[in-house]
Amino acid sequence: MALSHDPLWPRAGAWPAFEGEADAVLLGVPTWRTSLSPTGAHATPRAVREALQRYSPTLMGPPAVDLDAVLAIRDAGDIEEPDGDDGEAATIARVRELSPAFVIALGGDNSLTYPVALGAAASGLITFDAHFDLRDGVSNGTPVRRLVEDAPAAATVPTERIDPGRIVQIGIADFANSAAYAQRAADWGIRVITLDEVRRRGVDDVVGEALEVAGATDGRVHLDIDVDVCDRSVAPGCPASVPGGLAAWELRALTRAVAADHRVGSADIAEVDATADVEDGRTVRLAALCVLELLAGVAARNGGATRIRAPH
């Protein structure tokens, strides 16, 4: 069904192509070939762009703020084939070209985090994820380990590995990981903030610590938003989401709060399979709202946006 048109109610997402300058840029990175579970995540960037048009770019404030009026937002299209050594190299190079704009990478499975963070020259990493992603090999379960240990095989530009002491993983869930990978995270000095700890401490406290740890150096911080950190009722289109994860408002609040810090220079949105979503498209719509929350955070750096608060 075609969306209604109202000149006084502009829709988000109709952003022009990137042509050299921007405050924030969308980039589709539809990784999927190495996923540990069957996925149609390569269809997700297009679906998220379509879902964005269901929303307005306006924050309620007060005063109300039109993100399109305070930010130059552009769309750089998609990496045609981001999987494999050559695809990773192309992604790294393209993200480098888009800097210093805030890059929002639309996945794709979680394997996109590796080349996007390298392309952004991140020295710190914050993940919202139910899982450690510290497995061996190359898959959507390995990007955090690879950022610590691996150098890209086909990259044509120098890249730096991330010090695990500058990695914070938020939302790690019971019954979704192994003791071996929990031990690996502990041995490497990764700061793990479990799902239970997030709920006990609250968004502001957790985000404050995460930024202090990941942003302790002079470099940039990359944010990985793995939507399967959410409760399966709000993210049924994530193959690995489980009952009891974060509520949608919690993910949105965390996203905006992290993006509001000037040390955060890039983000990715991962693990949404648009082909597995339910009829109302709630998972893809949540991913689209995360795009808008990232933009709201960037706008907030100049006092142009406010945070979402918990419902009363």
Protein backbone atom coordinates (compact mmCIF):
# COMPACT_ATOMS: atom_id res chain seq x y z
CA MET A 1 0.00 0.00 0.00
CA ALA A 2 1.35 3.42 -0.96
CA LEU A 3 2.12 5.76 1.93
CA SER A 4 0.12 8.95 2.22
CA HIS A 5 1.62 12.29 1.26
CA ASP A 6 1.42 15.39 3.42
CA PRO A 7 3.80 18.30 2.73
CA LEU A 8 3.62 19.25 6.42
CA TRP A 9 4.57 15.72 7.56
CA PRO A 10 7.87 14.87 5.84
CA ARG A 11 9.06 11.28 5.91
CA ALA A 12 12.48 10.03 6.93
CA GLY A 13 14.77 8.19 4.60
CA ALA A 14 14.55 10.13 1.35
CA TRP A 15 18.15 11.28 1.68
CA PRO A 16 20.25 12.31 -1.31
CA ALA A 17 23.27 10.40 -2.52
CA PHE A 18 26.59 11.04 -0.86
CA GLU A 19 28.73 13.42 -2.90
CA GLY A 20 31.64 14.25 -0.66
CA GLU A 21 30.34 15.98 2.47
CA ALA A 22 27.84 14.98 5.16
CA ASP A 23 27.27 14.82 8.89
CA ALA A 24 25.97 11.24 8.66
CA VAL A 25 25.93 8.66 5.86
CA LEU A 26 24.03 5.40 5.40
CA LEU A 27 25.92 2.53 3.78
CA GLY A 28 24.40 -0.86 3.03
CA VAL A 29 26.74 -3.75 3.86
CA PRO A 30 24.56 -6.83 3.15
CA THR A 31 26.82 -9.58 4.50
CA TRP A 32 25.24 -13.04 4.80
CA ARG A 33 27.31 -15.80 3.16
CA THR A 34 29.20 -16.92 6.28
CA SER A 35 26.25 -16.84 8.68
CA LEU A 36 26.13 -19.70 11.18
CA SER A 37 22.37 -19.99 10.67
CA PRO A 38 20.36 -19.69 7.44
CA THR A 39 19.61 -16.03 6.78
CA GLY A 40 18.25 -13.62 4.22
CA ALA A 41 20.03 -10.70 5.87
CA HIS A 42 21.31 -9.50 2.49
CA ALA A 43 17.76 -8.25 1.85
CA THR A 44 17.75 -6.07 4.97
CA PRO A 45 19.37 -2.78 3.88
CA ARG A 46 16.69 -2.21 1.27
CA ALA A 47 13.95 -3.17 3.75
CA VAL A 48 15.28 -0.77 6.38
CA ARG A 49 15.37 2.08 3.86
CA GLU A 50 11.74 1.37 2.99
CA ALA A 51 10.76 1.18 6.68
CA LEU A 52 12.38 4.55 7.39
CA GLN A 53 9.69 6.16 5.27
CA ARG A 54 7.09 5.11 7.83
CA TYR A 55 8.64 7.57 10.27
CA SER A 56 9.25 11.29 10.45
CA PRO A 57 12.72 12.75 11.09
CA THR A 58 11.29 14.92 13.88
CA LEU A 59 12.22 14.78 17.56
CA MET A 60 9.58 16.11 19.94
CA GLY A 61 12.00 17.95 22.21
CA PRO A 62 10.62 20.38 23.26
CA PRO A 63 11.31 22.25 21.13
CA ALA A 64 10.66 19.98 18.14
CA VAL A 65 13.75 19.31 16.03
CA ASP A 66 13.75 18.20 12.39
CA LEU A 67 16.87 16.07 11.92
CA ASP A 68 16.92 16.94 8.24
CA ALA A 69 17.19 20.61 9.20
CA VAL A 70 20.11 20.20 11.62
CA LEU A 71 22.09 17.42 9.92
CA ALA A 72 23.28 16.81 6.38
CA ILE A 73 22.24 13.15 5.98
CA ARG A 74 23.26 11.23 2.86
CA ASP A 75 22.98 7.70 1.45
CA ALA A 76 26.04 6.05 -0.08
CA GLY A 77 24.20 3.02 -1.47
CA ASP A 78 25.34 -0.56 -0.90
CA ILE A 79 28.58 -2.52 -1.10
CA GLU A 80 27.71 -4.86 -3.96
CA GLU A 81 29.37 -8.01 -2.59
CA PRO A 82 30.73 -7.43 0.93
CA ASP A 83 31.51 -11.05 1.85
CA GLY A 84 34.94 -12.60 1.37
CA ASP A 85 38.38 -11.00 1.39
CA ASP A 86 37.70 -8.68 -1.54
CA GLY A 87 34.33 -7.64 -0.14
CA GLU A 88 35.87 -6.82 3.21
CA ALA A 89 38.57 -4.78 1.53
CA ALA A 90 35.96 -2.88 -0.49
CA THR A 91 33.97 -2.17 2.66
CA ILE A 92 37.02 -0.94 4.57
CA ALA A 93 37.99 1.36 1.71
CA ARG A 94 34.47 2.74 1.27
CA VAL A 95 34.03 3.50 4.96
CA ARG A 96 37.38 5.31 4.87
CA GLU A 97 36.13 7.38 1.93
CA LEU A 98 32.99 8.39 3.84
CA SER A 99 34.89 9.64 6.90
CA PRO A 100 34.78 11.94 8.81
CA ALA A 101 30.99 11.64 8.44
CA PHE A 102 29.23 9.44 10.99
CA VAL A 103 28.82 6.15 9.08
CA ILE A 104 25.72 4.04 9.74
CA ALA A 105 26.23 0.61 8.16
CA LEU A 106 23.07 -1.35 7.45
CA GLY A 107 23.64 -5.11 7.67
CA GLY A 108 23.59 -7.84 6.85
CA ASP A 109 24.70 -10.33 9.47
CA ASN A 110 27.17 -9.46 12.21
CA SER A 111 30.22 -10.19 10.09
CA LEU A 112 29.95 -6.61 8.76
CA THR A 113 31.20 -5.27 12.11
CA TYR A 114 34.75 -6.35 11.28
CA PRO A 115 35.33 -4.36 8.08
CA VAL A 116 33.19 -1.40 9.12
CA ALA A 117 35.06 -0.90 12.40
CA LEU A 118 38.39 -1.24 10.60
CA GLY A 119 37.30 1.20 7.90
CA ALA A 120 36.28 3.68 10.58
CA ALA A 121 39.74 3.34 12.17
CA ALA A 122 38.09 2.54 15.50
CA SER A 123 40.31 2.09 18.53
CA GLY A 124 37.37 1.21 20.80
CA LEU A 125 34.29 -0.97 20.37
CA ILE A 126 30.91 -1.09 22.10
CA THR A 127 28.52 -3.91 21.23
CA PHE A 128 24.84 -4.36 22.02
CA ASP A 129 24.59 -8.11 21.63
CA ALA A 130 23.32 -11.21 23.37
CA HIS A 131 26.47 -13.01 22.18
CA PHE A 132 30.24 -12.60 22.54
CA ASP A 133 31.07 -13.10 18.83
CA LEU A 134 34.46 -14.43 19.90
CA ARG A 135 34.37 -17.68 17.91
CA ASP A 136 37.27 -18.87 15.81
CA GLY A 137 37.14 -18.73 12.02
CA VAL A 138 35.20 -16.32 9.82
CA SER A 139 31.46 -15.98 10.31
CA ASN A 140 28.85 -13.76 11.90
CA GLY A 141 29.99 -15.22 15.23
CA THR A 142 33.60 -14.04 14.93
CA PRO A 143 33.85 -10.25 14.36
CA VAL A 144 34.94 -9.27 17.87
CA ARG A 145 37.69 -11.90 17.95
CA ARG A 146 38.80 -10.90 14.46
CA LEU A 147 39.05 -7.23 15.45
CA VAL A 148 41.44 -8.28 18.21
CA GLU A 149 43.49 -10.92 16.36
CA ASP A 150 43.14 -10.80 12.57
CA ALA A 151 44.49 -8.50 9.88
CA PRO A 152 42.31 -8.22 6.74
CA ALA A 153 43.64 -10.37 3.92
CA ALA A 154 42.94 -8.12 0.94
CA ALA A 155 42.83 -4.63 2.42
CA THR A 156 44.83 -2.03 0.50
CA VAL A 157 44.97 0.45 3.38
CA PRO A 158 46.68 -0.02 6.78
CA THR A 159 44.41 -1.11 9.61
CA GLU A 160 44.87 -1.35 13.35
CA ARG A 161 43.59 -4.13 15.59
CA ILE A 162 41.50 -3.14 18.59
CA ASP A 163 42.89 -3.50 22.10
CA PRO A 164 40.47 -5.86 23.89
CA GLY A 165 40.77 -3.62 26.94
CA ARG A 166 38.87 -1.03 24.89
CA ILE A 167 35.94 -3.35 24.12
CA VAL A 168 32.66 -3.26 26.06
CA GLN A 169 29.93 -5.83 25.37
CA ILE A 170 26.47 -4.86 26.62
CA GLY A 171 23.53 -7.24 26.89
CA ILE A 172 25.36 -10.59 26.98
CA ALA A 173 22.67 -13.10 27.85
CA ASP A 174 22.39 -16.28 29.88
CA PHE A 175 21.90 -19.50 27.89
CA ALA A 176 23.13 -17.83 24.67
CA ASN A 177 26.91 -18.36 25.11
CA SER A 178 29.45 -20.90 26.31
CA ALA A 179 31.71 -20.86 29.35
CA ALA A 180 34.73 -21.13 27.02
CA TYR A 181 33.96 -17.85 25.26
CA ALA A 182 33.09 -16.17 28.55
CA GLN A 183 36.56 -17.18 29.74
CA ARG A 184 38.13 -15.86 26.55
CA ALA A 185 36.47 -12.49 27.11
CA ALA A 186 37.70 -12.45 30.73
CA ASP A 187 41.24 -13.50 29.77
CA TRP A 188 41.43 -10.72 27.17
CA GLY A 189 40.13 -8.05 29.54
CA ILE A 190 36.92 -7.32 27.63
CA ARG A 191 34.38 -5.50 29.80
CA VAL A 192 31.20 -7.58 29.77
CA ILE A 193 27.97 -5.98 31.01
CA THR A 194 25.34 -8.69 31.10
CA LEU A 195 21.67 -8.24 30.38
CA ASP A 196 20.89 -8.51 34.09
CA GLU A 197 23.47 -5.84 34.91
CA VAL A 198 21.99 -3.46 32.34
CA ARG A 199 18.62 -3.75 33.99
CA ARG A 200 20.00 -3.41 37.48
CA ARG A 201 22.10 -0.31 36.74
CA GLY A 202 20.08 1.48 34.07
CA VAL A 203 20.94 3.01 30.71
CA ASP A 204 22.80 6.15 31.79
CA ASP A 205 25.14 4.37 34.21
CA VAL A 206 25.99 1.59 31.76
CA VAL A 207 26.57 3.96 28.85
CA GLY A 208 28.78 6.20 30.98
CA GLU A 209 31.08 3.31 31.85
CA ALA A 210 31.10 1.93 28.30
CA LEU A 211 32.18 5.26 26.84
CA GLU A 212 34.85 5.70 29.49
CA VAL A 213 36.35 2.29 28.68
CA ALA A 214 35.97 2.20 24.89
CA GLY A 215 36.78 5.87 24.46
CA ALA A 216 39.83 5.99 26.70
CA THR A 217 42.23 6.56 23.78
CA ASP A 218 42.34 9.39 21.25
CA GLY A 219 40.78 7.27 18.49
CA ARG A 220 37.20 6.73 17.50
CA VAL A 221 34.68 4.29 18.96
CA HIS A 222 32.55 1.99 16.80
CA LEU A 223 29.10 0.87 17.96
CA ASP A 224 27.78 -2.55 16.92
CA ILE A 225 24.00 -2.85 17.31
CA ASP A 226 23.12 -6.53 17.03
CA VAL A 227 19.33 -6.41 17.21
CA ASP A 228 19.17 -9.98 18.55
CA VAL A 229 20.01 -8.45 21.95
CA CYS A 230 16.27 -7.70 22.05
CA ASP A 231 13.39 -9.79 23.29
CA ARG A 232 12.09 -12.11 20.60
CA SER A 233 8.65 -10.50 20.81
CA VAL A 234 10.09 -7.27 19.35
CA ALA A 235 12.77 -8.90 17.16
CA PRO A 236 11.32 -12.09 15.67
CA GLY A 237 13.26 -11.43 12.47
CA CYS A 238 16.58 -11.99 14.26
CA PRO A 239 17.50 -15.69 13.99
CA ALA A 240 19.23 -15.74 17.40
CA SER A 241 16.96 -13.48 19.47
CA VAL A 242 15.58 -15.10 22.62
CA PRO A 243 12.66 -14.43 24.96
CA GLY A 244 13.67 -12.09 27.76
CA GLY A 245 16.06 -9.80 25.89
CA LEU A 246 16.03 -6.02 25.87
CA ALA A 247 12.79 -4.18 25.26
CA ALA A 248 12.62 -2.02 22.14
CA TRP A 249 12.73 1.18 24.20
CA GLU A 250 15.87 -0.04 25.99
CA LEU A 251 17.72 -0.64 22.73
CA ARG A 252 16.61 2.74 21.39
CA ALA A 253 17.67 4.53 24.57
CA LEU A 254 21.08 2.84 24.62
CA THR A 255 21.60 3.63 20.95
CA ARG A 256 20.85 7.34 21.26
CA ALA A 257 22.89 7.71 24.45
CA VAL A 258 26.03 6.15 22.94
CA ALA A 259 25.71 8.03 19.65
CA ALA A 260 25.46 11.34 21.51
CA ASP A 261 29.13 11.09 22.50
CA HIS A 262 31.59 12.79 20.15
CA ARG A 263 34.06 9.90 20.44
CA VAL A 264 31.67 7.56 18.61
CA GLY A 265 32.31 7.86 14.89
CA SER A 266 30.45 4.94 13.32
CA ALA A 267 27.84 2.26 13.94
CA ASP A 268 26.39 -0.84 12.34
CA ILE A 269 22.98 -2.47 12.64
CA ALA A 270 23.20 -6.24 12.30
CA GLU A 271 21.49 -9.63 12.40
CA VAL A 272 18.06 -8.58 11.11
CA ASP A 273 16.77 -10.99 8.47
CA ALA A 274 14.08 -9.05 6.60
CA THR A 275 12.93 -12.24 4.87
CA ALA A 276 12.15 -13.89 8.24
CA ASP A 277 10.30 -10.97 9.83
CA VAL A 278 6.65 -11.23 10.81
CA GLU A 279 3.89 -9.67 8.73
CA ASP A 280 3.90 -6.32 10.50
CA GLY A 281 7.65 -5.94 9.91
CA ARG A 282 8.38 -5.10 13.53
CA THR A 283 12.04 -6.18 13.46
CA VAL A 284 12.89 -4.16 10.37
CA ARG A 285 10.96 -1.20 11.79
CA LEU A 286 12.98 -1.40 14.99
CA ALA A 287 16.17 -1.40 12.93
CA ALA A 288 14.93 1.69 11.08
CA LEU A 289 14.23 3.40 14.39
CA CYS A 290 17.78 2.59 15.48
CA VAL A 291 18.98 4.52 12.43
CA LEU A 292 16.93 7.50 13.59
CA GLU A 293 18.17 7.13 17.17
CA LEU A 294 21.76 7.21 15.92
CA LEU A 295 20.99 10.40 14.02
CA ALA A 296 19.29 11.85 17.10
CA GLY A 297 22.43 11.11 19.09
CA VAL A 298 24.62 12.85 16.54
CA ALA A 299 22.29 15.86 16.61
CA ALA A 300 22.39 15.86 20.42
CA ARG A 301 26.11 16.58 20.35
CA ASN A 302 25.15 20.13 19.49
CA GLY A 303 22.23 20.28 21.92
CA GLY A 304 19.66 19.39 19.27
CA ALA A 305 18.06 16.27 20.78
CA THR A 306 16.99 14.68 24.04
CA ARG A 307 17.09 11.09 25.25
CA ILE A 308 14.24 8.62 25.37
CA ARG A 309 13.25 7.76 28.90
CA ALA A 310 11.68 4.61 30.33
CA PRO A 311 7.88 4.39 30.16
CA HIS A 312 6.04 5.20 33.38
